[in-house]
């Protein structure tokens, strides 16, 4: 399945980084365990990690995540450089997942659930549509490109 989402580029990077750190945590930490450690519902982390759902971490939750993962610095969560664009359109090819448990490759890295096909900043017109109060004109977070 190929989908396209509109999201803050920084939010996207943070979500993927938290997922990667969670999976690499020793011992392995699943979504439910992380949710319990940071005091949120069991589905909270799953909703954030699902690119089809418009959920994200807030600063307070990132603090709790950093504590749950025993991080020494917030630098571990954030990209090394400032992202160039705020809102971006990201096209993803979702991979078939044979099991619910996230897999780790031989080097210990989390295996991606999708392939990034495109990342493109929103233009001025798209920004206006994204911020539109008119529900008919407003850009949608998720668009299914193909099954």
Protein backbone atom coordinates (compact mmCIF):
# COMPACT_ATOMS: atom_id res chain seq x y z
CA UNK A 1 0.00 0.00 0.00
CA UNK A 2 1.23 3.49 -0.82
CA UNK A 3 0.02 6.39 1.30
CA UNK A 4 0.77 10.08 1.48
CA UNK A 5 0.67 12.02 4.74
CA UNK A 6 1.07 15.67 5.65
CA UNK A 7 3.04 16.09 8.86
CA UNK A 8 5.62 18.27 10.52
CA UNK A 9 8.96 16.94 9.31
CA UNK A 10 10.34 17.20 12.84
CA UNK A 11 7.38 15.24 14.26
CA UNK A 12 7.95 12.50 11.69
CA UNK A 13 11.65 12.25 12.57
CA UNK A 14 10.93 12.22 16.33
CA UNK A 15 8.31 9.48 15.99
CA UNK A 16 10.69 7.28 14.02
CA UNK A 17 13.58 7.95 16.40
CA UNK A 18 11.53 7.05 19.49
CA UNK A 19 10.38 3.84 17.76
CA UNK A 20 13.96 2.94 16.88
CA UNK A 21 15.20 3.58 20.44
CA UNK A 22 12.27 1.64 21.91
CA UNK A 23 12.98 -1.40 19.73
CA UNK A 24 16.73 -1.30 20.40
CA UNK A 25 16.21 -0.94 24.15
CA UNK A 26 17.62 -3.87 26.16
CA UNK A 27 15.56 -5.81 26.95
CA UNK A 28 13.25 -5.18 23.97
CA UNK A 29 10.49 -2.72 24.88
CA UNK A 30 7.15 -3.12 23.15
CA UNK A 31 4.58 -0.34 22.68
CA UNK A 32 2.50 -1.43 25.68
CA UNK A 33 5.51 -1.41 28.03
CA UNK A 34 6.55 2.07 26.91
CA UNK A 35 2.96 3.29 27.31
CA UNK A 36 2.83 1.92 30.85
CA UNK A 37 6.19 3.49 31.74
CA UNK A 38 5.08 6.96 30.58
CA UNK A 39 1.57 6.70 32.04
CA UNK A 40 -0.62 6.67 28.92
CA UNK A 41 -3.15 4.23 27.48
CA UNK A 42 -1.85 1.04 25.88
CA UNK A 43 -2.89 2.20 22.40
CA UNK A 44 -1.23 5.63 22.64
CA UNK A 45 2.19 4.57 21.33
CA UNK A 46 0.65 2.40 18.61
CA UNK A 47 -1.42 5.34 17.38
CA UNK A 48 1.64 7.58 17.25
CA UNK A 49 3.76 4.98 15.43
CA UNK A 50 1.02 4.23 12.87
CA UNK A 51 1.58 6.62 9.93
CA UNK A 52 -2.10 6.29 8.98
CA UNK A 53 -3.17 8.00 12.22
CA UNK A 54 -2.58 11.69 12.88
CA UNK A 55 -1.02 11.44 16.35
CA UNK A 56 2.27 12.75 17.65
CA UNK A 57 4.30 13.27 20.81
CA UNK A 58 4.20 16.53 22.70
CA UNK A 59 7.17 17.91 24.64
CA UNK A 60 5.88 16.54 27.94
CA UNK A 61 5.56 13.04 26.49
CA UNK A 62 9.04 13.27 24.96
CA UNK A 63 10.39 14.01 28.44
CA UNK A 64 8.64 10.92 29.81
CA UNK A 65 9.91 8.83 26.87
CA UNK A 66 13.48 10.02 27.52
CA UNK A 67 13.17 8.93 31.14
CA UNK A 68 11.59 5.56 30.26
CA UNK A 69 14.40 4.83 27.79
CA UNK A 70 17.07 5.95 30.29
CA UNK A 71 18.42 8.58 27.91
CA UNK A 72 21.14 10.88 29.19
CA UNK A 73 20.20 13.77 26.91
CA UNK A 74 17.34 14.99 24.75
CA UNK A 75 19.93 15.21 21.95
CA UNK A 76 19.47 11.48 21.48
CA UNK A 77 15.86 12.09 20.36
CA UNK A 78 16.36 15.05 18.04
CA UNK A 79 18.05 15.24 14.61
CA UNK A 80 21.59 16.62 14.49
CA UNK A 81 20.53 19.53 12.25
CA UNK A 82 17.52 21.81 12.12
CA UNK A 83 15.00 20.51 9.58
CA UNK A 84 14.66 22.74 6.54
CA UNK A 85 10.86 22.58 6.26
CA UNK A 86 8.00 22.65 8.71
CA UNK A 87 5.10 20.81 7.08
CA UNK A 88 5.92 18.21 4.46
CA UNK A 89 4.07 15.77 2.26
CA UNK A 90 5.59 12.30 2.71
CA UNK A 91 4.80 9.41 0.39
CA UNK A 92 5.33 6.02 2.02
CA UNK A 93 5.23 2.49 0.66
CA UNK A 94 4.04 0.39 3.59
CA UNK A 95 5.74 -2.97 3.88
CA UNK A 96 3.88 -6.20 4.52
CA UNK A 97 4.37 -7.19 8.13
CA UNK A 98 4.24 -10.92 8.81
CA UNK A 99 4.22 -10.51 12.59
CA UNK A 100 3.09 -7.94 15.11
CA UNK A 101 6.53 -7.81 16.78
CA UNK A 102 9.01 -5.37 15.30
CA UNK A 103 12.06 -7.00 13.84
CA UNK A 104 15.67 -6.02 14.30
CA UNK A 105 18.29 -6.62 11.62
CA UNK A 106 21.66 -8.29 12.26
CA UNK A 107 23.29 -4.97 13.14
CA UNK A 108 20.67 -4.31 15.84
CA UNK A 109 18.78 -1.63 13.90
CA UNK A 110 15.00 -1.58 13.76
CA UNK A 111 13.65 -2.73 10.42
CA UNK A 112 11.56 0.00 8.83
CA UNK A 113 7.83 -0.57 8.36
CA UNK A 114 7.85 1.48 5.19
CA UNK A 115 9.97 2.86 2.39
CA UNK A 116 10.03 6.65 2.02
CA UNK A 117 9.29 7.41 -1.63
CA UNK A 118 9.16 11.20 -1.38
CA UNK A 119 9.42 14.07 1.07
CA UNK A 120 8.24 17.39 -0.32
CA UNK A 121 7.57 20.67 1.52
CA UNK A 122 4.09 22.15 1.28
CA UNK A 123 3.83 25.17 -1.00
CA UNK A 124 2.06 28.41 0.03
CA UNK A 125 -1.30 27.34 -1.41
CA UNK A 126 -1.11 23.98 0.37
CA UNK A 127 -0.25 25.74 3.66
CA UNK A 128 -3.35 27.88 3.26
CA UNK A 129 -5.50 24.82 2.55
CA UNK A 130 -3.96 22.95 5.50
CA UNK A 131 -4.83 25.84 7.83
CA UNK A 132 -8.27 26.40 6.29
CA UNK A 133 -11.20 26.45 8.69
CA UNK A 134 -13.43 25.30 5.82
CA UNK A 135 -13.59 21.51 6.14
CA UNK A 136 -14.36 21.11 2.43
CA UNK A 137 -11.21 22.93 1.29
CA UNK A 138 -8.90 21.72 4.08
CA UNK A 139 -6.09 19.35 3.08
CA UNK A 140 -6.45 15.86 4.52
CA UNK A 141 -3.70 14.34 6.67
CA UNK A 142 -3.85 10.98 4.89
CA UNK A 143 -4.35 10.07 1.25
CA UNK A 144 -4.25 6.48 0.01
CA UNK A 145 -2.41 6.45 -3.32
CA UNK A 146 -2.72 2.73 -4.08
CA UNK A 147 -3.55 -0.53 -2.33
